[in-house]
Amino acid sequence: GGGLVQAGGSLRLSCAASGSISSIN
């Protein structure tokens, strides 16, 4: 979701977890 944007604009970042994902706090 990163990138270039002009001042005043918006971006939405996302992060997906995988692997041993149980017990993530």
PDBML (XML) file of the C-alpha atoms, coordinates in Angstrom:
<?xml version="1.0" encoding="UTF-8" ?>
<PDBx:datablock datablockName="MODEL"
   xmlns:PDBx="http://pdbml.pdb.org/schema/pdbx-v50.xsd"
   xmlns:xsi="http://www.w3.org/2001/XMLSchema-instance"
   xsi:schemaLocation="http://pdbml.pdb.org/schema/pdbx-v50.xsd pdbx-v50.xsd">
   <PDBx:atom_siteCategory>
      <PDBx:atom_site id="1">
         <PDBx:B_iso_or_equiv>0.00</PDBx:B_iso_or_equiv>
         <PDBx:Cartn_x>0.000</PDBx:Cartn_x>
         <PDBx:Cartn_y>0.000</PDBx:Cartn_y>
         <PDBx:Cartn_z>0.000</PDBx:Cartn_z>
         <PDBx:auth_asym_id>A</PDBx:auth_asym_id>
         <PDBx:auth_atom_id>CA</PDBx:auth_atom_id>
         <PDBx:auth_comp_id>GLY</PDBx:auth_comp_id>
         <PDBx:auth_seq_id>1</PDBx:auth_seq_id>
         <PDBx:group_PDB>ATOM</PDBx:group_PDB>
         <PDBx:label_alt_id xsi:nil="true" />
         <PDBx:label_asym_id>A</PDBx:label_asym_id>
         <PDBx:label_atom_id>CA</PDBx:label_atom_id>
         <PDBx:label_comp_id>GLY</PDBx:label_comp_id>
         <PDBx:label_entity_id>1</PDBx:label_entity_id>
         <PDBx:label_seq_id>1</PDBx:label_seq_id>
         <PDBx:occupancy>1.00</PDBx:occupancy>
         <PDBx:pdbx_PDB_model_num>1</PDBx:pdbx_PDB_model_num>
         <PDBx:type_symbol>C</PDBx:type_symbol>
      </PDBx:atom_site>
      <PDBx:atom_site id="2">
         <PDBx:B_iso_or_equiv>0.00</PDBx:B_iso_or_equiv>
         <PDBx:Cartn_x>2.932</PDBx:Cartn_x>
         <PDBx:Cartn_y>2.392</PDBx:Cartn_y>
         <PDBx:Cartn_z>0.092</PDBx:Cartn_z>
         <PDBx:auth_asym_id>A</PDBx:auth_asym_id>
         <PDBx:auth_atom_id>CA</PDBx:auth_atom_id>
         <PDBx:auth_comp_id>GLY</PDBx:auth_comp_id>
         <PDBx:auth_seq_id>2</PDBx:auth_seq_id>
         <PDBx:group_PDB>ATOM</PDBx:group_PDB>
         <PDBx:label_alt_id xsi:nil="true" />
         <PDBx:label_asym_id>A</PDBx:label_asym_id>
         <PDBx:label_atom_id>CA</PDBx:label_atom_id>
         <PDBx:label_comp_id>GLY</PDBx:label_comp_id>
         <PDBx:label_entity_id>1</PDBx:label_entity_id>
         <PDBx:label_seq_id>2</PDBx:label_seq_id>
         <PDBx:occupancy>1.00</PDBx:occupancy>
         <PDBx:pdbx_PDB_model_num>1</PDBx:pdbx_PDB_model_num>
         <PDBx:type_symbol>C</PDBx:type_symbol>
      </PDBx:atom_site>
      <PDBx:atom_site id="3">
         <PDBx:B_iso_or_equiv>0.00</PDBx:B_iso_or_equiv>
         <PDBx:Cartn_x>3.625</PDBx:Cartn_x>
         <PDBx:Cartn_y>4.860</PDBx:Cartn_y>
         <PDBx:Cartn_z>-2.674</PDBx:Cartn_z>
         <PDBx:auth_asym_id>A</PDBx:auth_asym_id>
         <PDBx:auth_atom_id>CA</PDBx:auth_atom_id>
         <PDBx:auth_comp_id>GLY</PDBx:auth_comp_id>
         <PDBx:auth_seq_id>3</PDBx:auth_seq_id>
         <PDBx:group_PDB>ATOM</PDBx:group_PDB>
         <PDBx:label_alt_id xsi:nil="true" />
         <PDBx:label_asym_id>A</PDBx:label_asym_id>
         <PDBx:label_atom_id>CA</PDBx:label_atom_id>
         <PDBx:label_comp_id>GLY</PDBx:label_comp_id>
         <PDBx:label_entity_id>1</PDBx:label_entity_id>
         <PDBx:label_seq_id>3</PDBx:label_seq_id>
         <PDBx:occupancy>1.00</PDBx:occupancy>
         <PDBx:pdbx_PDB_model_num>1</PDBx:pdbx_PDB_model_num>
         <PDBx:type_symbol>C</PDBx:type_symbol>
      </PDBx:atom_site>
      <PDBx:atom_site id="4">
         <PDBx:B_iso_or_equiv>0.00</PDBx:B_iso_or_equiv>
         <PDBx:Cartn_x>3.849</PDBx:Cartn_x>
         <PDBx:Cartn_y>8.493</PDBx:Cartn_y>
         <PDBx:Cartn_z>-3.691</PDBx:Cartn_z>
         <PDBx:auth_asym_id>A</PDBx:auth_asym_id>
         <PDBx:auth_atom_id>CA</PDBx:auth_atom_id>
         <PDBx:auth_comp_id>LEU</PDBx:auth_comp_id>
         <PDBx:auth_seq_id>4</PDBx:auth_seq_id>
         <PDBx:group_PDB>ATOM</PDBx:group_PDB>
         <PDBx:label_alt_id xsi:nil="true" />
         <PDBx:label_asym_id>A</PDBx:label_asym_id>
         <PDBx:label_atom_id>CA</PDBx:label_atom_id>
         <PDBx:label_comp_id>LEU</PDBx:label_comp_id>
         <PDBx:label_entity_id>1</PDBx:label_entity_id>
         <PDBx:label_seq_id>4</PDBx:label_seq_id>
         <PDBx:occupancy>1.00</PDBx:occupancy>
         <PDBx:pdbx_PDB_model_num>1</PDBx:pdbx_PDB_model_num>
         <PDBx:type_symbol>C</PDBx:type_symbol>
      </PDBx:atom_site>
      <PDBx:atom_site id="5">
         <PDBx:B_iso_or_equiv>0.00</PDBx:B_iso_or_equiv>
         <PDBx:Cartn_x>1.123</PDBx:Cartn_x>
         <PDBx:Cartn_y>10.952</PDBx:Cartn_y>
         <PDBx:Cartn_z>-2.718</PDBx:Cartn_z>
         <PDBx:auth_asym_id>A</PDBx:auth_asym_id>
         <PDBx:auth_atom_id>CA</PDBx:auth_atom_id>
         <PDBx:auth_comp_id>VAL</PDBx:auth_comp_id>
         <PDBx:auth_seq_id>5</PDBx:auth_seq_id>
         <PDBx:group_PDB>ATOM</PDBx:group_PDB>
         <PDBx:label_alt_id xsi:nil="true" />
         <PDBx:label_asym_id>A</PDBx:label_asym_id>
         <PDBx:label_atom_id>CA</PDBx:label_atom_id>
         <PDBx:label_comp_id>VAL</PDBx:label_comp_id>
         <PDBx:label_entity_id>1</PDBx:label_entity_id>
         <PDBx:label_seq_id>5</PDBx:label_seq_id>
         <PDBx:occupancy>1.00</PDBx:occupancy>
         <PDBx:pdbx_PDB_model_num>1</PDBx:pdbx_PDB_model_num>
         <PDBx:type_symbol>C</PDBx:type_symbol>
      </PDBx:atom_site>
      <PDBx:atom_site id="6">
         <PDBx:B_iso_or_equiv>0.00</PDBx:B_iso_or_equiv>
         <PDBx:Cartn_x>0.729</PDBx:Cartn_x>
         <PDBx:Cartn_y>14.726</PDBx:Cartn_y>
         <PDBx:Cartn_z>-2.596</PDBx:Cartn_z>
         <PDBx:auth_asym_id>A</PDBx:auth_asym_id>
         <PDBx:auth_atom_id>CA</PDBx:auth_atom_id>
         <PDBx:auth_comp_id>GLN</PDBx:auth_comp_id>
         <PDBx:auth_seq_id>6</PDBx:auth_seq_id>
         <PDBx:group_PDB>ATOM</PDBx:group_PDB>
         <PDBx:label_alt_id xsi:nil="true" />
         <PDBx:label_asym_id>A</PDBx:label_asym_id>
         <PDBx:label_atom_id>CA</PDBx:label_atom_id>
         <PDBx:label_comp_id>GLN</PDBx:label_comp_id>
         <PDBx:label_entity_id>1</PDBx:label_entity_id>
         <PDBx:label_seq_id>6</PDBx:label_seq_id>
         <PDBx:occupancy>1.00</PDBx:occupancy>
         <PDBx:pdbx_PDB_model_num>1</PDBx:pdbx_PDB_model_num>
         <PDBx:type_symbol>C</PDBx:type_symbol>
      </PDBx:atom_site>
      <PDBx:atom_site id="7">
         <PDBx:B_iso_or_equiv>0.00</PDBx:B_iso_or_equiv>
         <PDBx:Cartn_x>0.402</PDBx:Cartn_x>
         <PDBx:Cartn_y>16.558</PDBx:Cartn_y>
         <PDBx:Cartn_z>0.702</PDBx:Cartn_z>
         <PDBx:auth_asym_id>A</PDBx:auth_asym_id>
         <PDBx:auth_atom_id>CA</PDBx:auth_atom_id>
         <PDBx:auth_comp_id>ALA</PDBx:auth_comp_id>
         <PDBx:auth_seq_id>7</PDBx:auth_seq_id>
         <PDBx:group_PDB>ATOM</PDBx:group_PDB>
         <PDBx:label_alt_id xsi:nil="true" />
         <PDBx:label_asym_id>A</PDBx:label_asym_id>
         <PDBx:label_atom_id>CA</PDBx:label_atom_id>
         <PDBx:label_comp_id>ALA</PDBx:label_comp_id>
         <PDBx:label_entity_id>1</PDBx:label_entity_id>
         <PDBx:label_seq_id>7</PDBx:label_seq_id>
         <PDBx:occupancy>1.00</PDBx:occupancy>
         <PDBx:pdbx_PDB_model_num>1</PDBx:pdbx_PDB_model_num>
         <PDBx:type_symbol>C</PDBx:type_symbol>
      </PDBx:atom_site>
      <PDBx:atom_site id="8">
         <PDBx:B_iso_or_equiv>0.00</PDBx:B_iso_or_equiv>
         <PDBx:Cartn_x>-3.156</PDBx:Cartn_x>
         <PDBx:Cartn_y>16.336</PDBx:Cartn_y>
         <PDBx:Cartn_z>1.977</PDBx:Cartn_z>
         <PDBx:auth_asym_id>A</PDBx:auth_asym_id>
         <PDBx:auth_atom_id>CA</PDBx:auth_atom_id>
         <PDBx:auth_comp_id>GLY</PDBx:auth_comp_id>
         <PDBx:auth_seq_id>8</PDBx:auth_seq_id>
         <PDBx:group_PDB>ATOM</PDBx:group_PDB>
         <PDBx:label_alt_id xsi:nil="true" />
         <PDBx:label_asym_id>A</PDBx:label_asym_id>
         <PDBx:label_atom_id>CA</PDBx:label_atom_id>
         <PDBx:label_comp_id>GLY</PDBx:label_comp_id>
         <PDBx:label_entity_id>1</PDBx:label_entity_id>
         <PDBx:label_seq_id>8</PDBx:label_seq_id>
         <PDBx:occupancy>1.00</PDBx:occupancy>
         <PDBx:pdbx_PDB_model_num>1</PDBx:pdbx_PDB_model_num>
         <PDBx:type_symbol>C</PDBx:type_symbol>
      </PDBx:atom_site>
      <PDBx:atom_site id="9">
         <PDBx:B_iso_or_equiv>0.00</PDBx:B_iso_or_equiv>
         <PDBx:Cartn_x>-3.759</PDBx:Cartn_x>
         <PDBx:Cartn_y>13.006</PDBx:Cartn_y>
         <PDBx:Cartn_z>0.291</PDBx:Cartn_z>
         <PDBx:auth_asym_id>A</PDBx:auth_asym_id>
         <PDBx:auth_atom_id>CA</PDBx:auth_atom_id>
         <PDBx:auth_comp_id>GLY</PDBx:auth_comp_id>
         <PDBx:auth_seq_id>9</PDBx:auth_seq_id>
         <PDBx:group_PDB>ATOM</PDBx:group_PDB>
         <PDBx:label_alt_id xsi:nil="true" />
         <PDBx:label_asym_id>A</PDBx:label_asym_id>
         <PDBx:label_atom_id>CA</PDBx:label_atom_id>
         <PDBx:label_comp_id>GLY</PDBx:label_comp_id>
         <PDBx:label_entity_id>1</PDBx:label_entity_id>
         <PDBx:label_seq_id>9</PDBx:label_seq_id>
         <PDBx:occupancy>1.00</PDBx:occupancy>
         <PDBx:pdbx_PDB_model_num>1</PDBx:pdbx_PDB_model_num>
         <PDBx:type_symbol>C</PDBx:type_symbol>
      </PDBx:atom_site>
      <PDBx:atom_site id="10">
         <PDBx:B_iso_or_equiv>0.00</PDBx:B_iso_or_equiv>
         <PDBx:Cartn_x>-4.403</PDBx:Cartn_x>
         <PDBx:Cartn_y>9.560</PDBx:Cartn_y>
         <PDBx:Cartn_z>1.736</PDBx:Cartn_z>
         <PDBx:auth_asym_id>A</PDBx:auth_asym_id>
         <PDBx:auth_atom_id>CA</PDBx:auth_atom_id>
         <PDBx:auth_comp_id>SER</PDBx:auth_comp_id>
         <PDBx:auth_seq_id>10</PDBx:auth_seq_id>
         <PDBx:group_PDB>ATOM</PDBx:group_PDB>
         <PDBx:label_alt_id xsi:nil="true" />
         <PDBx:label_asym_id>A</PDBx:label_asym_id>
         <PDBx:label_atom_id>CA</PDBx:label_atom_id>
         <PDBx:label_comp_id>SER</PDBx:label_comp_id>
         <PDBx:label_entity_id>1</PDBx:label_entity_id>
         <PDBx:label_seq_id>10</PDBx:label_seq_id>
         <PDBx:occupancy>1.00</PDBx:occupancy>
         <PDBx:pdbx_PDB_model_num>1</PDBx:pdbx_PDB_model_num>
         <PDBx:type_symbol>C</PDBx:type_symbol>
      </PDBx:atom_site>
      <PDBx:atom_site id="11">
         <PDBx:B_iso_or_equiv>0.00</PDBx:B_iso_or_equiv>
         <PDBx:Cartn_x>-2.873</PDBx:Cartn_x>
         <PDBx:Cartn_y>6.093</PDBx:Cartn_y>
         <PDBx:Cartn_z>1.675</PDBx:Cartn_z>
         <PDBx:auth_asym_id>A</PDBx:auth_asym_id>
         <PDBx:auth_atom_id>CA</PDBx:auth_atom_id>
         <PDBx:auth_comp_id>LEU</PDBx:auth_comp_id>
         <PDBx:auth_seq_id>11</PDBx:auth_seq_id>
         <PDBx:group_PDB>ATOM</PDBx:group_PDB>
         <PDBx:label_alt_id xsi:nil="true" />
         <PDBx:label_asym_id>A</PDBx:label_asym_id>
         <PDBx:label_atom_id>CA</PDBx:label_atom_id>
         <PDBx:label_comp_id>LEU</PDBx:label_comp_id>
         <PDBx:label_entity_id>1</PDBx:label_entity_id>
         <PDBx:label_seq_id>11</PDBx:label_seq_id>
         <PDBx:occupancy>1.00</PDBx:occupancy>
         <PDBx:pdbx_PDB_model_num>1</PDBx:pdbx_PDB_model_num>
         <PDBx:type_symbol>C</PDBx:type_symbol>
      </PDBx:atom_site>
      <PDBx:atom_site id="12">
         <PDBx:B_iso_or_equiv>0.00</PDBx:B_iso_or_equiv>
         <PDBx:Cartn_x>-3.932</PDBx:Cartn_x>
         <PDBx:Cartn_y>2.792</PDBx:Cartn_y>
         <PDBx:Cartn_z>3.222</PDBx:Cartn_z>
         <PDBx:auth_asym_id>A</PDBx:auth_asym_id>
         <PDBx:auth_atom_id>CA</PDBx:auth_atom_id>
         <PDBx:auth_comp_id>ARG</PDBx:auth_comp_id>
         <PDBx:auth_seq_id>12</PDBx:auth_seq_id>
         <PDBx:group_PDB>ATOM</PDBx:group_PDB>
         <PDBx:label_alt_id xsi:nil="true" />
         <PDBx:label_asym_id>A</PDBx:label_asym_id>
         <PDBx:label_atom_id>CA</PDBx:label_atom_id>
         <PDBx:label_comp_id>ARG</PDBx:label_comp_id>
         <PDBx:label_entity_id>1</PDBx:label_entity_id>
         <PDBx:label_seq_id>12</PDBx:label_seq_id>
         <PDBx:occupancy>1.00</PDBx:occupancy>
         <PDBx:pdbx_PDB_model_num>1</PDBx:pdbx_PDB_model_num>
         <PDBx:type_symbol>C</PDBx:type_symbol>
      </PDBx:atom_site>
      <PDBx:atom_site id="13">
         <PDBx:B_iso_or_equiv>0.00</PDBx:B_iso_or_equiv>
         <PDBx:Cartn_x>-1.209</PDBx:Cartn_x>
         <PDBx:Cartn_y>0.379</PDBx:Cartn_y>
         <PDBx:Cartn_z>4.314</PDBx:Cartn_z>
         <PDBx:auth_asym_id>A</PDBx:auth_asym_id>
         <PDBx:auth_atom_id>CA</PDBx:auth_atom_id>
         <PDBx:auth_comp_id>LEU</PDBx:auth_comp_id>
         <PDBx:auth_seq_id>13</PDBx:auth_seq_id>
         <PDBx:group_PDB>ATOM</PDBx:group_PDB>
         <PDBx:label_alt_id xsi:nil="true" />
         <PDBx:label_asym_id>A</PDBx:label_asym_id>
         <PDBx:label_atom_id>CA</PDBx:label_atom_id>
         <PDBx:label_comp_id>LEU</PDBx:label_comp_id>
         <PDBx:label_entity_id>1</PDBx:label_entity_id>
         <PDBx:label_seq_id>13</PDBx:label_seq_id>
         <PDBx:occupancy>1.00</PDBx:occupancy>
         <PDBx:pdbx_PDB_model_num>1</PDBx:pdbx_PDB_model_num>
         <PDBx:type_symbol>C</PDBx:type_symbol>
      </PDBx:atom_site>
      <PDBx:atom_site id="14">
         <PDBx:B_iso_or_equiv>0.00</PDBx:B_iso_or_equiv>
         <PDBx:Cartn_x>-1.874</PDBx:Cartn_x>
         <PDBx:Cartn_y>-3.305</PDBx:Cartn_y>
         <PDBx:Cartn_z>4.893</PDBx:Cartn_z>
         <PDBx:auth_asym_id>A</PDBx:auth_asym_id>
         <PDBx:auth_atom_id>CA</PDBx:auth_atom_id>
         <PDBx:auth_comp_id>SER</PDBx:auth_comp_id>
         <PDBx:auth_seq_id>14</PDBx:auth_seq_id>
         <PDBx:group_PDB>ATOM</PDBx:group_PDB>
         <PDBx:label_alt_id xsi:nil="true" />
         <PDBx:label_asym_id>A</PDBx:label_asym_id>
         <PDBx:label_atom_id>CA</PDBx:label_atom_id>
         <PDBx:label_comp_id>SER</PDBx:label_comp_id>
         <PDBx:label_entity_id>1</PDBx:label_entity_id>
         <PDBx:label_seq_id>14</PDBx:label_seq_id>
         <PDBx:occupancy>1.00</PDBx:occupancy>
         <PDBx:pdbx_PDB_model_num>1</PDBx:pdbx_PDB_model_num>
         <PDBx:type_symbol>C</PDBx:type_symbol>
      </PDBx:atom_site>
      <PDBx:atom_site id="15">
         <PDBx:B_iso_or_equiv>0.00</PDBx:B_iso_or_equiv>
         <PDBx:Cartn_x>0.192</PDBx:Cartn_x>
         <PDBx:Cartn_y>-6.027</PDBx:Cartn_y>
         <PDBx:Cartn_z>6.551</PDBx:Cartn_z>
         <PDBx:auth_asym_id>A</PDBx:auth_asym_id>
         <PDBx:auth_atom_id>CA</PDBx:auth_atom_id>
         <PDBx:auth_comp_id>CYS</PDBx:auth_comp_id>
         <PDBx:auth_seq_id>15</PDBx:auth_seq_id>
         <PDBx:group_PDB>ATOM</PDBx:group_PDB>
         <PDBx:label_alt_id xsi:nil="true" />
         <PDBx:label_asym_id>A</PDBx:label_asym_id>
         <PDBx:label_atom_id>CA</PDBx:label_atom_id>
         <PDBx:label_comp_id>CYS</PDBx:label_comp_id>
         <PDBx:label_entity_id>1</PDBx:label_entity_id>
         <PDBx:label_seq_id>15</PDBx:label_seq_id>
         <PDBx:occupancy>1.00</PDBx:occupancy>
         <PDBx:pdbx_PDB_model_num>1</PDBx:pdbx_PDB_model_num>
         <PDBx:type_symbol>C</PDBx:type_symbol>
      </PDBx:atom_site>
      <PDBx:atom_site id="16">
         <PDBx:B_iso_or_equiv>0.00</PDBx:B_iso_or_equiv>
         <PDBx:Cartn_x>-0.640</PDBx:Cartn_x>
         <PDBx:Cartn_y>-9.724</PDBx:Cartn_y>
         <PDBx:Cartn_z>6.243</PDBx:Cartn_z>
         <PDBx:auth_asym_id>A</PDBx:auth_asym_id>
         <PDBx:auth_atom_id>CA</PDBx:auth_atom_id>
         <PDBx:auth_comp_id>ALA</PDBx:auth_comp_id>
         <PDBx:auth_seq_id>16</PDBx:auth_seq_id>
         <PDBx:group_PDB>ATOM</PDBx:group_PDB>
         <PDBx:label_alt_id xsi:nil="true" />
         <PDBx:label_asym_id>A</PDBx:label_asym_id>
         <PDBx:label_atom_id>CA</PDBx:label_atom_id>
         <PDBx:label_comp_id>ALA</PDBx:label_comp_id>
         <PDBx:label_entity_id>1</PDBx:label_entity_id>
         <PDBx:label_seq_id>16</PDBx:label_seq_id>
         <PDBx:occupancy>1.00</PDBx:occupancy>
         <PDBx:pdbx_PDB_model_num>1</PDBx:pdbx_PDB_model_num>
         <PDBx:type_symbol>C</PDBx:type_symbol>
      </PDBx:atom_site>
      <PDBx:atom_site id="17">
         <PDBx:B_iso_or_equiv>0.00</PDBx:B_iso_or_equiv>
         <PDBx:Cartn_x>0.784</PDBx:Cartn_x>
         <PDBx:Cartn_y>-12.278</PDBx:Cartn_y>
         <PDBx:Cartn_z>8.672</PDBx:Cartn_z>
         <PDBx:auth_asym_id>A</PDBx:auth_asym_id>
         <PDBx:auth_atom_id>CA</PDBx:auth_atom_id>
         <PDBx:auth_comp_id>ALA</PDBx:auth_comp_id>
         <PDBx:auth_seq_id>17</PDBx:auth_seq_id>
         <PDBx:group_PDB>ATOM</PDBx:group_PDB>
         <PDBx:label_alt_id xsi:nil="true" />
         <PDBx:label_asym_id>A</PDBx:label_asym_id>
         <PDBx:label_atom_id>CA</PDBx:label_atom_id>
         <PDBx:label_comp_id>ALA</PDBx:label_comp_id>
         <PDBx:label_entity_id>1</PDBx:label_entity_id>
         <PDBx:label_seq_id>17</PDBx:label_seq_id>
         <PDBx:occupancy>1.00</PDBx:occupancy>
         <PDBx:pdbx_PDB_model_num>1</PDBx:pdbx_PDB_model_num>
         <PDBx:type_symbol>C</PDBx:type_symbol>
      </PDBx:atom_site>
      <PDBx:atom_site id="18">
         <PDBx:B_iso_or_equiv>0.00</PDBx:B_iso_or_equiv>
         <PDBx:Cartn_x>1.513</PDBx:Cartn_x>
         <PDBx:Cartn_y>-15.900</PDBx:Cartn_y>
         <PDBx:Cartn_z>7.820</PDBx:Cartn_z>
         <PDBx:auth_asym_id>A</PDBx:auth_asym_id>
         <PDBx:auth_atom_id>CA</PDBx:auth_atom_id>
         <PDBx:auth_comp_id>SER</PDBx:auth_comp_id>
         <PDBx:auth_seq_id>18</PDBx:auth_seq_id>
         <PDBx:group_PDB>ATOM</PDBx:group_PDB>
         <PDBx:label_alt_id xsi:nil="true" />
         <PDBx:label_asym_id>A</PDBx:label_asym_id>
         <PDBx:label_atom_id>CA</PDBx:label_atom_id>
         <PDBx:label_comp_id>SER</PDBx:label_comp_id>
         <PDBx:label_entity_id>1</PDBx:label_entity_id>
         <PDBx:label_seq_id>18</PDBx:label_seq_id>
         <PDBx:occupancy>1.00</PDBx:occupancy>
         <PDBx:pdbx_PDB_model_num>1</PDBx:pdbx_PDB_model_num>
         <PDBx:type_symbol>C</PDBx:type_symbol>
      </PDBx:atom_site>
      <PDBx:atom_site id="19">
         <PDBx:B_iso_or_equiv>0.00</PDBx:B_iso_or_equiv>
         <PDBx:Cartn_x>3.324</PDBx:Cartn_x>
         <PDBx:Cartn_y>-18.875</PDBx:Cartn_y>
         <PDBx:Cartn_z>9.320</PDBx:Cartn_z>
         <PDBx:auth_asym_id>A</PDBx:auth_asym_id>
         <PDBx:auth_atom_id>CA</PDBx:auth_atom_id>
         <PDBx:auth_comp_id>GLY</PDBx:auth_comp_id>
         <PDBx:auth_seq_id>19</PDBx:auth_seq_id>
         <PDBx:group_PDB>ATOM</PDBx:group_PDB>
         <PDBx:label_alt_id xsi:nil="true" />
         <PDBx:label_asym_id>A</PDBx:label_asym_id>
         <PDBx:label_atom_id>CA</PDBx:label_atom_id>
         <PDBx:label_comp_id>GLY</PDBx:label_comp_id>
         <PDBx:label_entity_id>1</PDBx:label_entity_id>
         <PDBx:label_seq_id>19</PDBx:label_seq_id>
         <PDBx:occupancy>1.00</PDBx:occupancy>
         <PDBx:pdbx_PDB_model_num>1</PDBx:pdbx_PDB_model_num>
         <PDBx:type_symbol>C</PDBx:type_symbol>
      </PDBx:atom_site>
      <PDBx:atom_site id="20">
         <PDBx:B_iso_or_equiv>0.00</PDBx:B_iso_or_equiv>
         <PDBx:Cartn_x>2.906</PDBx:Cartn_x>
         <PDBx:Cartn_y>-19.691</PDBx:Cartn_y>
         <PDBx:Cartn_z>13.007</PDBx:Cartn_z>
         <PDBx:auth_asym_id>A</PDBx:auth_asym_id>
         <PDBx:auth_atom_id>CA</PDBx:auth_atom_id>
         <PDBx:auth_comp_id>SER</PDBx:auth_comp_id>
         <PDBx:auth_seq_id>20</PDBx:auth_seq_id>
         <PDBx:group_PDB>ATOM</PDBx:group_PDB>
         <PDBx:label_alt_id xsi:nil="true" />
         <PDBx:label_asym_id>A</PDBx:label_asym_id>
         <PDBx:label_atom_id>CA</PDBx:label_atom_id>
         <PDBx:label_comp_id>SER</PDBx:label_comp_id>
         <PDBx:label_entity_id>1</PDBx:label_entity_id>
         <PDBx:label_seq_id>20</PDBx:label_seq_id>
         <PDBx:occupancy>1.00</PDBx:occupancy>
         <PDBx:pdbx_PDB_model_num>1</PDBx:pdbx_PDB_model_num>
         <PDBx:type_symbol>C</PDBx:type_symbol>
      </PDBx:atom_site>
      <PDBx:atom_site id="21">
         <PDBx:B_iso_or_equiv>0.00</PDBx:B_iso_or_equiv>
         <PDBx:Cartn_x>0.263</PDBx:Cartn_x>
         <PDBx:Cartn_y>-17.052</PDBx:Cartn_y>
         <PDBx:Cartn_z>13.569</PDBx:Cartn_z>
         <PDBx:auth_asym_id>A</PDBx:auth_asym_id>
         <PDBx:auth_atom_id>CA</PDBx:auth_atom_id>
         <PDBx:auth_comp_id>ILE</PDBx:auth_comp_id>
         <PDBx:auth_seq_id>21</PDBx:auth_seq_id>
         <PDBx:group_PDB>ATOM</PDBx:group_PDB>
         <PDBx:label_alt_id xsi:nil="true" />
         <PDBx:label_asym_id>A</PDBx:label_asym_id>
         <PDBx:label_atom_id>CA</PDBx:label_atom_id>
         <PDBx:label_comp_id>ILE</PDBx:label_comp_id>
         <PDBx:label_entity_id>1</PDBx:label_entity_id>
         <PDBx:label_seq_id>21</PDBx:label_seq_id>
         <PDBx:occupancy>1.00</PDBx:occupancy>
         <PDBx:pdbx_PDB_model_num>1</PDBx:pdbx_PDB_model_num>
         <PDBx:type_symbol>C</PDBx:type_symbol>
      </PDBx:atom_site>
      <PDBx:atom_site id="22">
         <PDBx:B_iso_or_equiv>0.00</PDBx:B_iso_or_equiv>
         <PDBx:Cartn_x>-1.334</PDBx:Cartn_x>
         <PDBx:Cartn_y>-18.449</PDBx:Cartn_y>
         <PDBx:Cartn_z>16.714</PDBx:Cartn_z>
         <PDBx:auth_asym_id>A</PDBx:auth_asym_id>
         <PDBx:auth_atom_id>CA</PDBx:auth_atom_id>
         <PDBx:auth_comp_id>SER</PDBx:auth_comp_id>
         <PDBx:auth_seq_id>22</PDBx:auth_seq_id>
         <PDBx:group_PDB>ATOM</PDBx:group_PDB>
         <PDBx:label_alt_id xsi:nil="true" />
         <PDBx:label_asym_id>A</PDBx:label_asym_id>
         <PDBx:label_atom_id>CA</PDBx:label_atom_id>
         <PDBx:label_comp_id>SER</PDBx:label_comp_id>
         <PDBx:label_entity_id>1</PDBx:label_entity_id>
         <PDBx:label_seq_id>22</PDBx:label_seq_id>
         <PDBx:occupancy>1.00</PDBx:occupancy>
         <PDBx:pdbx_PDB_model_num>1</PDBx:pdbx_PDB_model_num>
         <PDBx:type_symbol>C</PDBx:type_symbol>
      </PDBx:atom_site>
      <PDBx:atom_site id="23">
         <PDBx:B_iso_or_equiv>0.00</PDBx:B_iso_or_equiv>
         <PDBx:Cartn_x>-0.859</PDBx:Cartn_x>
         <PDBx:Cartn_y>-16.426</PDBx:Cartn_y>
         <PDBx:Cartn_z>19.909</PDBx:Cartn_z>
         <PDBx:auth_asym_id>A</PDBx:auth_asym_id>
         <PDBx:auth_atom_id>CA</PDBx:auth_atom_id>
         <PDBx:auth_comp_id>SER</PDBx:auth_comp_id>
         <PDBx:auth_seq_id>23</PDBx:auth_seq_id>
         <PDBx:group_PDB>ATOM</PDBx:group_PDB>
         <PDBx:label_alt_id xsi:nil="true" />
         <PDBx:label_asym_id>A</PDBx:label_asym_id>
         <PDBx:label_atom_id>CA</PDBx:label_atom_id>
         <PDBx:label_comp_id>SER</PDBx:label_comp_id>
         <PDBx:label_entity_id>1</PDBx:label_entity_id>
         <PDBx:label_seq_id>23</PDBx:label_seq_id>
         <PDBx:occupancy>1.00</PDBx:occupancy>
         <PDBx:pdbx_PDB_model_num>1</PDBx:pdbx_PDB_model_num>
         <PDBx:type_symbol>C</PDBx:type_symbol>
      </PDBx:atom_site>
      <PDBx:atom_site id="24">
         <PDBx:B_iso_or_equiv>0.00</PDBx:B_iso_or_equiv>
         <PDBx:Cartn_x>-0.018</PDBx:Cartn_x>
         <PDBx:Cartn_y>-13.184</PDBx:Cartn_y>
         <PDBx:Cartn_z>18.075</PDBx:Cartn_z>
         <PDBx:auth_asym_id>A</PDBx:auth_asym_id>
         <PDBx:auth_atom_id>CA</PDBx:auth_atom_id>
         <PDBx:auth_comp_id>ILE</PDBx:auth_comp_id>
         <PDBx:auth_seq_id>24</PDBx:auth_seq_id>
         <PDBx:group_PDB>ATOM</PDBx:group_PDB>
         <PDBx:label_alt_id xsi:nil="true" />
         <PDBx:label_asym_id>A</PDBx:label_asym_id>
         <PDBx:label_atom_id>CA</PDBx:label_atom_id>
         <PDBx:label_comp_id>ILE</PDBx:label_comp_id>
         <PDBx:label_entity_id>1</PDBx:label_entity_id>
         <PDBx:label_seq_id>24</PDBx:label_seq_id>
         <PDBx:occupancy>1.00</PDBx:occupancy>
         <PDBx:pdbx_PDB_model_num>1</PDBx:pdbx_PDB_model_num>
         <PDBx:type_symbol>C</PDBx:type_symbol>
      </PDBx:atom_site>
      <PDBx:atom_site id="25">
         <PDBx:B_iso_or_equiv>0.00</PDBx:B_iso_or_equiv>
         <PDBx:Cartn_x>-0.717</PDBx:Cartn_x>
         <PDBx:Cartn_y>-10.370</PDBx:Cartn_y>
         <PDBx:Cartn_z>20.515</PDBx:Cartn_z>
         <PDBx:auth_asym_id>A</PDBx:auth_asym_id>
         <PDBx:auth_atom_id>CA</PDBx:auth_atom_id>
         <PDBx:auth_comp_id>ASN</PDBx:auth_comp_id>
         <PDBx:auth_seq_id>25</PDBx:auth_seq_id>
         <PDBx:group_PDB>ATOM</PDBx:group_PDB>
         <PDBx:label_alt_id xsi:nil="true" />
         <PDBx:label_asym_id>A</PDBx:label_asym_id>
         <PDBx:label_atom_id>CA</PDBx:label_atom_id>
         <PDBx:label_comp_id>ASN</PDBx:label_comp_id>
         <PDBx:label_entity_id>1</PDBx:label_entity_id>
         <PDBx:label_seq_id>25</PDBx:label_seq_id>
         <PDBx:occupancy>1.00</PDBx:occupancy>
         <PDBx:pdbx_PDB_model_num>1</PDBx:pdbx_PDB_model_num>
         <PDBx:type_symbol>C</PDBx:type_symbol>
      </PDBx:atom_site>
   </PDBx:atom_siteCategory>
</PDBx:datablock>
